[in-house]
N, C-alpha and C. Protein backbone atom coordinates (compact mmCIF):
# COMPACT_ATOMS: atom_id res chain seq x y z
N UNK A 1 -7.83 -14.32 -36.19
CA UNK A 1 -8.72 -13.78 -35.18
C UNK A 1 -8.19 -14.08 -33.78
N UNK A 2 -7.74 -15.31 -33.53
CA UNK A 2 -7.26 -15.71 -32.23
C UNK A 2 -6.00 -14.94 -31.85
N UNK A 3 -5.10 -14.73 -32.80
CA UNK A 3 -3.87 -13.98 -32.55
C UNK A 3 -4.18 -12.53 -32.21
N UNK A 4 -5.17 -11.95 -32.87
CA UNK A 4 -5.57 -10.57 -32.59
C UNK A 4 -6.12 -10.46 -31.17
N UNK A 5 -6.90 -11.44 -30.77
CA UNK A 5 -7.47 -11.44 -29.42
C UNK A 5 -6.35 -11.54 -28.38
N UNK A 6 -5.38 -12.40 -28.63
CA UNK A 6 -4.25 -12.55 -27.71
C UNK A 6 -3.44 -11.26 -27.66
N UNK A 7 -3.24 -10.61 -28.81
CA UNK A 7 -2.51 -9.34 -28.82
C UNK A 7 -3.25 -8.29 -27.99
N UNK A 8 -4.57 -8.29 -28.12
CA UNK A 8 -5.38 -7.36 -27.33
C UNK A 8 -5.24 -7.62 -25.84
N UNK A 9 -5.26 -8.90 -25.45
CA UNK A 9 -5.09 -9.26 -24.04
C UNK A 9 -3.70 -8.86 -23.53
N UNK A 10 -2.70 -9.09 -24.35
CA UNK A 10 -1.33 -8.73 -23.97
C UNK A 10 -1.22 -7.22 -23.80
N UNK A 11 -1.80 -6.47 -24.73
CA UNK A 11 -1.75 -5.01 -24.63
C UNK A 11 -2.47 -4.51 -23.38
N UNK A 12 -3.62 -5.11 -23.07
CA UNK A 12 -4.35 -4.71 -21.86
C UNK A 12 -3.55 -5.05 -20.61
N UNK A 13 -2.99 -6.24 -20.56
CA UNK A 13 -2.17 -6.64 -19.41
C UNK A 13 -0.95 -5.74 -19.26
N UNK A 14 -0.29 -5.44 -20.37
CA UNK A 14 0.88 -4.56 -20.32
C UNK A 14 0.49 -3.18 -19.83
N UNK A 15 -0.66 -2.69 -20.26
CA UNK A 15 -1.15 -1.40 -19.78
C UNK A 15 -1.45 -1.42 -18.30
N UNK A 16 -2.10 -2.49 -17.83
CA UNK A 16 -2.39 -2.63 -16.40
C UNK A 16 -1.10 -2.71 -15.59
N UNK A 17 -0.13 -3.46 -16.10
CA UNK A 17 1.14 -3.59 -15.39
C UNK A 17 1.87 -2.25 -15.30
N UNK A 18 1.86 -1.49 -16.37
CA UNK A 18 2.60 -0.23 -16.35
C UNK A 18 1.89 0.85 -15.55
N UNK A 19 0.56 0.80 -15.45
CA UNK A 19 -0.18 1.81 -14.71
C UNK A 19 -0.29 1.52 -13.22
N UNK A 20 -0.15 0.27 -12.83
CA UNK A 20 -0.36 -0.10 -11.43
C UNK A 20 0.84 0.25 -10.56
N UNK A 21 0.54 0.60 -9.32
CA UNK A 21 1.57 0.89 -8.34
C UNK A 21 2.16 -0.41 -7.79
N UNK A 22 1.28 -1.39 -7.60
CA UNK A 22 1.69 -2.69 -7.08
C UNK A 22 0.91 -3.78 -7.82
N UNK A 23 1.58 -4.90 -8.05
CA UNK A 23 0.95 -6.07 -8.66
C UNK A 23 1.23 -7.25 -7.74
N UNK A 24 0.17 -7.96 -7.38
CA UNK A 24 0.32 -9.11 -6.50
C UNK A 24 -0.11 -10.36 -7.25
N UNK A 25 0.77 -11.34 -7.29
CA UNK A 25 0.47 -12.61 -7.93
C UNK A 25 -0.07 -13.57 -6.88
N UNK A 26 -1.19 -14.20 -7.21
CA UNK A 26 -1.81 -15.14 -6.28
C UNK A 26 -2.05 -16.47 -6.96
N UNK A 27 -2.10 -17.52 -6.15
CA UNK A 27 -2.48 -18.84 -6.63
C UNK A 27 -3.95 -19.01 -6.27
N UNK A 28 -4.79 -19.04 -7.24
CA UNK A 28 -6.23 -19.09 -7.01
C UNK A 28 -6.77 -20.52 -6.99
N UNK A 29 -5.90 -21.51 -7.07
CA UNK A 29 -6.34 -22.91 -7.11
C UNK A 29 -7.18 -23.22 -5.86
N UNK A 30 -8.34 -23.81 -6.07
CA UNK A 30 -9.23 -24.15 -4.96
C UNK A 30 -10.38 -23.17 -4.79
N UNK A 31 -10.33 -22.03 -5.47
CA UNK A 31 -11.42 -21.07 -5.39
C UNK A 31 -12.51 -21.43 -6.40
N UNK A 32 -13.74 -21.29 -5.98
CA UNK A 32 -14.85 -21.50 -6.90
C UNK A 32 -15.04 -20.23 -7.72
N UNK A 33 -15.82 -20.33 -8.77
CA UNK A 33 -16.10 -19.15 -9.61
C UNK A 33 -16.81 -18.08 -8.79
N UNK A 34 -17.69 -18.49 -7.87
CA UNK A 34 -18.41 -17.54 -7.03
C UNK A 34 -17.43 -16.81 -6.10
N UNK A 35 -16.49 -17.54 -5.50
CA UNK A 35 -15.50 -16.92 -4.62
C UNK A 35 -14.61 -15.95 -5.40
N UNK A 36 -14.24 -16.31 -6.61
CA UNK A 36 -13.41 -15.44 -7.44
C UNK A 36 -14.17 -14.16 -7.78
N UNK A 37 -15.44 -14.30 -8.06
CA UNK A 37 -16.27 -13.14 -8.36
C UNK A 37 -16.38 -12.23 -7.14
N UNK A 38 -16.55 -12.82 -5.96
CA UNK A 38 -16.61 -12.03 -4.71
C UNK A 38 -15.29 -11.29 -4.48
N UNK A 39 -14.19 -11.97 -4.73
CA UNK A 39 -12.87 -11.34 -4.57
C UNK A 39 -12.73 -10.15 -5.51
N UNK A 40 -13.11 -10.33 -6.75
CA UNK A 40 -13.03 -9.23 -7.72
C UNK A 40 -13.88 -8.04 -7.29
N UNK A 41 -15.09 -8.33 -6.80
CA UNK A 41 -15.97 -7.26 -6.36
C UNK A 41 -15.39 -6.53 -5.15
N UNK A 42 -14.81 -7.27 -4.19
CA UNK A 42 -14.18 -6.64 -3.03
C UNK A 42 -13.02 -5.74 -3.44
N UNK A 43 -12.23 -6.20 -4.39
CA UNK A 43 -11.08 -5.42 -4.84
C UNK A 43 -11.53 -4.18 -5.62
N UNK A 44 -12.60 -4.32 -6.39
CA UNK A 44 -13.08 -3.19 -7.18
C UNK A 44 -13.58 -2.04 -6.30
N UNK A 45 -14.08 -2.37 -5.10
CA UNK A 45 -14.55 -1.32 -4.18
C UNK A 45 -13.42 -0.36 -3.84
N UNK A 46 -12.20 -0.85 -3.78
CA UNK A 46 -11.04 -0.02 -3.47
C UNK A 46 -10.34 0.53 -4.70
N UNK A 47 -10.93 0.32 -5.88
CA UNK A 47 -10.31 0.81 -7.11
C UNK A 47 -9.22 -0.09 -7.64
N UNK A 48 -9.24 -1.35 -7.25
CA UNK A 48 -8.24 -2.32 -7.68
C UNK A 48 -8.88 -3.33 -8.62
N UNK A 49 -8.05 -4.14 -9.26
CA UNK A 49 -8.56 -5.16 -10.19
C UNK A 49 -7.86 -6.49 -9.94
N UNK A 50 -8.51 -7.56 -10.40
CA UNK A 50 -7.91 -8.88 -10.33
C UNK A 50 -8.29 -9.64 -11.60
N UNK A 51 -7.27 -10.24 -12.25
CA UNK A 51 -7.50 -10.98 -13.49
C UNK A 51 -6.77 -12.31 -13.43
N UNK A 52 -7.46 -13.37 -13.86
CA UNK A 52 -6.81 -14.65 -14.06
C UNK A 52 -6.15 -14.57 -15.42
N UNK A 53 -4.86 -14.92 -15.47
CA UNK A 53 -4.12 -14.77 -16.72
C UNK A 53 -3.38 -16.06 -17.07
N UNK A 54 -3.16 -16.23 -18.35
CA UNK A 54 -2.31 -17.34 -18.80
C UNK A 54 -0.86 -16.90 -18.59
N UNK A 55 -0.05 -17.82 -18.14
CA UNK A 55 1.35 -17.50 -17.82
C UNK A 55 2.12 -16.95 -19.01
N UNK A 56 1.95 -17.56 -20.16
CA UNK A 56 2.72 -17.08 -21.33
C UNK A 56 2.31 -15.66 -21.70
N UNK A 57 1.02 -15.38 -21.66
CA UNK A 57 0.56 -14.02 -21.97
C UNK A 57 1.04 -13.03 -20.93
N UNK A 58 1.03 -13.44 -19.67
CA UNK A 58 1.49 -12.56 -18.59
C UNK A 58 2.99 -12.28 -18.73
N UNK A 59 3.76 -13.27 -19.10
CA UNK A 59 5.20 -13.07 -19.28
C UNK A 59 5.49 -12.12 -20.44
N UNK A 60 4.77 -12.30 -21.54
CA UNK A 60 4.96 -11.42 -22.70
C UNK A 60 4.56 -9.99 -22.33
N UNK A 61 3.44 -9.84 -21.61
CA UNK A 61 2.97 -8.51 -21.20
C UNK A 61 3.96 -7.86 -20.22
N UNK A 62 4.55 -8.66 -19.33
CA UNK A 62 5.53 -8.11 -18.39
C UNK A 62 6.75 -7.58 -19.12
N UNK A 63 7.20 -8.32 -20.11
CA UNK A 63 8.34 -7.84 -20.92
C UNK A 63 7.97 -6.57 -21.67
N UNK A 64 6.77 -6.55 -22.23
CA UNK A 64 6.33 -5.39 -23.00
C UNK A 64 6.19 -4.15 -22.10
N UNK A 65 5.78 -4.34 -20.85
CA UNK A 65 5.60 -3.23 -19.92
C UNK A 65 6.91 -2.82 -19.25
N UNK A 66 7.98 -3.58 -19.49
CA UNK A 66 9.26 -3.27 -18.86
C UNK A 66 9.34 -3.74 -17.41
N UNK A 67 8.53 -4.75 -17.08
CA UNK A 67 8.51 -5.28 -15.71
C UNK A 67 8.92 -6.75 -15.73
N UNK A 68 10.12 -6.99 -16.26
CA UNK A 68 10.61 -8.36 -16.41
C UNK A 68 10.74 -9.09 -15.08
N UNK A 69 10.93 -8.35 -13.99
CA UNK A 69 11.06 -8.99 -12.67
C UNK A 69 9.80 -9.76 -12.29
N UNK A 70 8.68 -9.36 -12.85
CA UNK A 70 7.40 -10.01 -12.57
C UNK A 70 7.40 -11.46 -13.03
N UNK A 71 8.20 -11.76 -14.03
CA UNK A 71 8.25 -13.10 -14.61
C UNK A 71 8.65 -14.14 -13.55
N UNK A 72 9.45 -13.72 -12.56
CA UNK A 72 9.93 -14.65 -11.53
C UNK A 72 8.81 -15.23 -10.68
N UNK A 73 7.68 -14.52 -10.55
CA UNK A 73 6.61 -15.02 -9.68
C UNK A 73 5.40 -15.52 -10.47
N UNK A 74 5.53 -15.58 -11.78
CA UNK A 74 4.44 -16.10 -12.61
C UNK A 74 4.72 -17.56 -12.93
N UNK A 75 4.09 -18.44 -12.16
CA UNK A 75 4.17 -19.87 -12.44
C UNK A 75 2.96 -20.55 -11.83
N UNK A 76 2.48 -21.57 -12.50
CA UNK A 76 1.28 -22.25 -12.05
C UNK A 76 0.05 -21.39 -12.32
N UNK A 77 -1.10 -21.78 -11.73
CA UNK A 77 -2.31 -20.98 -11.92
C UNK A 77 -2.13 -19.61 -11.26
N UNK A 78 -2.25 -18.54 -12.04
CA UNK A 78 -1.96 -17.20 -11.53
C UNK A 78 -3.14 -16.26 -11.76
N UNK A 79 -3.46 -15.54 -10.70
CA UNK A 79 -4.37 -14.41 -10.80
C UNK A 79 -3.56 -13.19 -10.36
N UNK A 80 -3.58 -12.15 -11.16
CA UNK A 80 -2.83 -10.94 -10.83
C UNK A 80 -3.79 -9.89 -10.30
N UNK A 81 -3.44 -9.33 -9.14
CA UNK A 81 -4.22 -8.24 -8.55
C UNK A 81 -3.44 -6.95 -8.76
N UNK A 82 -4.10 -5.98 -9.36
CA UNK A 82 -3.46 -4.71 -9.69
C UNK A 82 -3.94 -3.63 -8.73
N UNK A 83 -2.99 -2.93 -8.13
CA UNK A 83 -3.32 -1.84 -7.22
C UNK A 83 -2.97 -0.50 -7.82
N UNK A 84 -3.95 0.36 -7.90
CA UNK A 84 -3.74 1.70 -8.47
C UNK A 84 -3.89 2.71 -7.33
N UNK A 85 -2.88 3.54 -7.13
CA UNK A 85 -2.98 4.56 -6.09
C UNK A 85 -2.52 4.04 -4.75
N UNK A 86 -3.44 3.71 -3.87
CA UNK A 86 -3.11 3.30 -2.52
C UNK A 86 -2.66 1.84 -2.49
N UNK A 87 -1.39 1.63 -2.22
CA UNK A 87 -0.79 0.30 -2.23
C UNK A 87 -1.35 -0.58 -1.12
N UNK A 88 -1.49 0.01 0.05
CA UNK A 88 -1.90 -0.76 1.23
C UNK A 88 -3.34 -1.25 1.10
N UNK A 89 -4.19 -0.50 0.42
CA UNK A 89 -5.60 -0.91 0.32
C UNK A 89 -5.75 -2.25 -0.39
N UNK A 90 -4.96 -2.48 -1.43
CA UNK A 90 -5.03 -3.76 -2.15
C UNK A 90 -4.61 -4.91 -1.24
N UNK A 91 -3.50 -4.74 -0.55
CA UNK A 91 -2.99 -5.81 0.31
C UNK A 91 -3.97 -6.08 1.46
N UNK A 92 -4.51 -5.01 2.04
CA UNK A 92 -5.47 -5.18 3.13
C UNK A 92 -6.73 -5.88 2.64
N UNK A 93 -7.20 -5.51 1.45
CA UNK A 93 -8.39 -6.15 0.90
C UNK A 93 -8.15 -7.64 0.65
N UNK A 94 -6.99 -7.99 0.10
CA UNK A 94 -6.67 -9.40 -0.12
C UNK A 94 -6.58 -10.16 1.20
N UNK A 95 -5.86 -9.61 2.17
CA UNK A 95 -5.72 -10.28 3.46
C UNK A 95 -7.06 -10.43 4.16
N UNK A 96 -7.87 -9.39 4.11
CA UNK A 96 -9.19 -9.44 4.74
C UNK A 96 -10.05 -10.52 4.09
N UNK A 97 -9.99 -10.60 2.77
CA UNK A 97 -10.77 -11.61 2.06
C UNK A 97 -10.30 -13.01 2.45
N UNK A 98 -9.00 -13.22 2.48
CA UNK A 98 -8.46 -14.54 2.83
C UNK A 98 -8.87 -14.94 4.24
N UNK A 99 -8.77 -14.00 5.19
CA UNK A 99 -9.11 -14.31 6.58
C UNK A 99 -10.61 -14.50 6.79
N UNK A 100 -11.41 -13.62 6.19
CA UNK A 100 -12.85 -13.67 6.45
C UNK A 100 -13.52 -14.88 5.80
N UNK A 101 -13.02 -15.30 4.65
CA UNK A 101 -13.65 -16.44 3.95
C UNK A 101 -12.89 -17.74 4.15
N UNK A 102 -11.75 -17.67 4.84
CA UNK A 102 -10.87 -18.83 5.00
C UNK A 102 -10.58 -19.45 3.63
N UNK A 103 -10.28 -18.58 2.71
CA UNK A 103 -10.07 -18.95 1.32
C UNK A 103 -8.73 -19.67 1.13
N UNK A 104 -8.67 -20.57 0.16
CA UNK A 104 -7.39 -21.23 -0.16
C UNK A 104 -6.47 -20.35 -1.01
N UNK A 105 -6.87 -19.11 -1.26
CA UNK A 105 -6.07 -18.18 -2.05
C UNK A 105 -4.71 -17.96 -1.38
N UNK A 106 -3.66 -18.10 -2.14
CA UNK A 106 -2.30 -17.93 -1.62
C UNK A 106 -1.60 -16.80 -2.37
N UNK A 107 -0.89 -15.98 -1.64
CA UNK A 107 -0.11 -14.91 -2.26
C UNK A 107 1.25 -15.48 -2.62
N UNK A 108 1.61 -15.34 -3.89
CA UNK A 108 2.90 -15.85 -4.38
C UNK A 108 4.01 -14.82 -4.27
N UNK A 109 3.63 -13.56 -4.36
CA UNK A 109 4.61 -12.49 -4.32
C UNK A 109 4.02 -11.25 -4.96
N UNK A 110 4.84 -10.25 -5.08
CA UNK A 110 4.35 -9.01 -5.67
C UNK A 110 5.47 -8.20 -6.28
N UNK A 111 5.08 -7.17 -6.98
CA UNK A 111 6.02 -6.25 -7.59
C UNK A 111 5.59 -4.84 -7.20
N UNK A 112 6.45 -4.18 -6.45
CA UNK A 112 6.21 -2.81 -6.00
C UNK A 112 7.23 -1.94 -6.69
N UNK A 113 6.80 -1.20 -7.70
CA UNK A 113 7.74 -0.44 -8.51
C UNK A 113 8.62 -1.41 -9.28
N UNK A 114 9.90 -1.39 -8.96
CA UNK A 114 10.84 -2.34 -9.59
C UNK A 114 11.28 -3.42 -8.61
N UNK A 115 10.75 -3.39 -7.39
CA UNK A 115 11.18 -4.32 -6.35
C UNK A 115 10.24 -5.52 -6.28
N UNK A 116 10.83 -6.70 -6.33
CA UNK A 116 10.08 -7.94 -6.21
C UNK A 116 9.88 -8.24 -4.72
N UNK A 117 8.66 -8.52 -4.33
CA UNK A 117 8.33 -8.77 -2.93
C UNK A 117 8.03 -10.25 -2.70
N UNK A 118 8.47 -10.76 -1.56
CA UNK A 118 8.14 -12.12 -1.16
C UNK A 118 6.71 -12.13 -0.61
N UNK A 119 6.09 -13.30 -0.48
CA UNK A 119 4.74 -13.34 0.10
C UNK A 119 4.69 -12.73 1.51
N UNK A 120 5.74 -12.93 2.30
CA UNK A 120 5.78 -12.36 3.65
C UNK A 120 5.83 -10.84 3.61
N UNK A 121 6.61 -10.30 2.69
CA UNK A 121 6.70 -8.85 2.56
C UNK A 121 5.37 -8.25 2.11
N UNK A 122 4.69 -8.95 1.23
CA UNK A 122 3.38 -8.47 0.77
C UNK A 122 2.40 -8.42 1.93
N UNK A 123 2.35 -9.49 2.73
CA UNK A 123 1.40 -9.50 3.85
C UNK A 123 1.80 -8.51 4.94
N UNK A 124 3.09 -8.22 5.08
CA UNK A 124 3.50 -7.24 6.08
C UNK A 124 3.06 -5.82 5.69
N UNK A 125 2.84 -5.59 4.39
CA UNK A 125 2.33 -4.29 3.96
C UNK A 125 0.94 -4.02 4.53
N UNK A 126 0.19 -5.07 4.80
CA UNK A 126 -1.16 -4.92 5.33
C UNK A 126 -1.16 -4.34 6.73
N UNK A 127 -0.06 -4.48 7.45
CA UNK A 127 0.00 -3.95 8.82
C UNK A 127 0.35 -2.47 8.86
N UNK A 128 0.68 -1.90 7.70
CA UNK A 128 0.98 -0.47 7.66
C UNK A 128 -0.28 0.34 7.90
N UNK A 129 -0.15 1.46 8.60
CA UNK A 129 -1.33 2.33 8.76
C UNK A 129 -1.69 2.99 7.43
N UNK A 130 -2.86 3.55 7.38
CA UNK A 130 -3.31 4.20 6.15
C UNK A 130 -2.50 5.47 5.88
N UNK A 131 -2.63 5.99 4.70
CA UNK A 131 -1.89 7.18 4.29
C UNK A 131 -2.23 8.37 5.19
N UNK A 132 -3.49 8.52 5.54
CA UNK A 132 -3.92 9.62 6.39
C UNK A 132 -3.28 9.53 7.78
N UNK A 133 -3.22 8.33 8.34
CA UNK A 133 -2.61 8.14 9.65
C UNK A 133 -1.11 8.44 9.59
N UNK A 134 -0.45 7.98 8.53
CA UNK A 134 0.98 8.26 8.38
C UNK A 134 1.25 9.76 8.26
N UNK A 135 0.40 10.47 7.54
CA UNK A 135 0.57 11.91 7.41
C UNK A 135 0.38 12.60 8.75
N UNK A 136 -0.63 12.19 9.51
CA UNK A 136 -0.85 12.81 10.82
C UNK A 136 0.30 12.50 11.78
N UNK A 137 0.86 11.29 11.70
CA UNK A 137 2.02 10.97 12.53
C UNK A 137 3.22 11.81 12.15
N UNK A 138 3.43 12.02 10.86
CA UNK A 138 4.53 12.85 10.40
C UNK A 138 4.37 14.29 10.90
N UNK A 139 3.18 14.81 10.82
CA UNK A 139 2.93 16.17 11.30
C UNK A 139 3.20 16.26 12.80
N UNK A 140 2.77 15.26 13.54
CA UNK A 140 3.01 15.26 14.99
C UNK A 140 4.51 15.22 15.28
N UNK A 141 5.26 14.40 14.54
CA UNK A 141 6.70 14.32 14.74
C UNK A 141 7.39 15.63 14.37
N UNK A 142 6.87 16.32 13.37
CA UNK A 142 7.45 17.61 12.98
C UNK A 142 7.14 18.70 14.00
N UNK A 143 6.05 18.56 14.75
CA UNK A 143 5.68 19.55 15.74
C UNK A 143 6.54 19.48 16.99
N UNK A 144 7.06 18.30 17.31
CA UNK A 144 7.84 18.12 18.54
C UNK A 144 9.03 19.08 18.62
N UNK A 145 9.88 19.18 17.59
CA UNK A 145 10.99 20.12 17.70
C UNK A 145 10.52 21.58 17.79
N UNK A 146 9.43 21.88 17.12
CA UNK A 146 8.91 23.26 17.17
C UNK A 146 8.42 23.60 18.58
N UNK A 147 7.77 22.65 19.23
CA UNK A 147 7.29 22.87 20.60
C UNK A 147 8.48 23.04 21.54
N UNK A 148 9.50 22.23 21.35
CA UNK A 148 10.72 22.36 22.16
C UNK A 148 11.38 23.71 21.94
N UNK A 149 11.44 24.16 20.72
CA UNK A 149 12.02 25.46 20.41
C UNK A 149 11.21 26.59 21.04
N UNK A 150 9.90 26.46 20.98
CA UNK A 150 9.04 27.45 21.63
C UNK A 150 9.31 27.51 23.13
N UNK A 151 9.44 26.34 23.73
CA UNK A 151 9.69 26.29 25.18
C UNK A 151 11.05 26.91 25.52
N UNK A 152 12.06 26.65 24.69
CA UNK A 152 13.39 27.21 24.93
C UNK A 152 13.35 28.73 24.88
N UNK A 153 12.64 29.28 23.91
CA UNK A 153 12.57 30.74 23.78
C UNK A 153 11.64 31.37 24.81
N UNK A 154 10.62 30.67 25.23
CA UNK A 154 9.68 31.25 26.18
C UNK A 154 10.15 31.11 27.62
N UNK A 155 11.07 30.20 27.90
CA UNK A 155 11.54 30.00 29.27
C UNK A 155 12.19 31.25 29.86
N UNK A 156 13.12 31.92 29.18
CA UNK A 156 13.70 33.13 29.76
C UNK A 156 12.66 34.24 29.99
N UNK A 157 11.71 34.35 29.10
CA UNK A 157 10.68 35.37 29.25
C UNK A 157 9.82 35.06 30.47
N UNK A 158 9.45 33.79 30.64
CA UNK A 158 8.67 33.39 31.82
C UNK A 158 9.45 33.64 33.10
N UNK A 159 10.75 33.35 33.05
CA UNK A 159 11.60 33.60 34.23
C UNK A 159 11.65 35.09 34.56
N UNK A 160 11.78 35.93 33.55
CA UNK A 160 11.81 37.38 33.76
C UNK A 160 10.49 37.86 34.34
N UNK A 161 9.39 37.34 33.83
CA UNK A 161 8.07 37.73 34.36
C UNK A 161 7.93 37.32 35.81
N UNK A 162 8.40 36.14 36.16
CA UNK A 162 8.33 35.66 37.55
C UNK A 162 9.16 36.56 38.46
N UNK A 163 10.38 36.91 38.02
CA UNK A 163 11.25 37.78 38.82
C UNK A 163 10.60 39.15 39.01
N UNK A 164 10.03 39.70 37.94
CA UNK A 164 9.39 41.01 38.04
C UNK A 164 8.16 40.97 38.94
N UNK A 165 7.39 39.92 38.91
CA UNK A 165 6.21 39.80 39.77
C UNK A 165 6.64 39.69 41.24
N UNK A 166 7.70 38.90 41.49
CA UNK A 166 8.21 38.77 42.87
C UNK A 166 8.73 40.11 43.37
N UNK A 167 9.42 40.84 42.51
CA UNK A 167 9.98 42.15 42.89
C UNK A 167 8.85 43.13 43.16
N UNK A 168 7.81 43.09 42.35
CA UNK A 168 6.66 43.97 42.55
C UNK A 168 5.97 43.66 43.88
N UNK A 169 5.89 42.36 44.21
CA UNK A 169 5.27 41.95 45.46
C UNK A 169 6.11 42.43 46.65
N UNK A 170 7.45 42.38 46.51
CA UNK A 170 8.32 42.86 47.57
C UNK A 170 8.10 44.36 47.82
N UNK A 171 7.98 45.15 46.75
CA UNK A 171 7.78 46.58 46.90
C UNK A 171 6.43 46.91 47.50
N UNK A 172 5.42 46.10 47.14
CA UNK A 172 4.07 46.38 47.66
C UNK A 172 3.97 46.01 49.14
N UNK A 173 4.81 45.09 49.62
CA UNK A 173 4.79 44.69 51.03
C UNK A 173 5.49 45.73 51.90
N UNK A 174 6.36 46.56 51.36
CA UNK A 174 7.11 47.56 52.16
C UNK A 174 6.35 48.75 52.47
């Protein structure tokens, strides 16, 4: 019975690891059960999850999911936060929780795709603008050359109109 339960946990962890866009390993030592519950609820609002896992089960699940790089940051008491979809929302939610509650929660590192992230790299993701802001900035940057091209093509026409208006004014004055 116990082995079946562990297999089920490993399968669930492997599924979460393979489906998530980003996984952040945290050291939850010093958090009360109430604080951990609050953290989970905050993360769930953004469509993310957080699970306290046993290291051996997490390592087996990482191998099973093909994310062996994750093994490097699994040591000591570990809670894994899984981000599905928007990567930045998970990091922002974790940072906001740590700052607002002055929590002893520490980020150990993360896995973004196949890239292992240091704690500093994970926290720097929180400073990124949202997806909507990035898209609007991209559109604005794409418009700049088009506006310049429009100005280049409209300048000779404007010059011709100015010359014709001046010429018309000269004829009307005579």
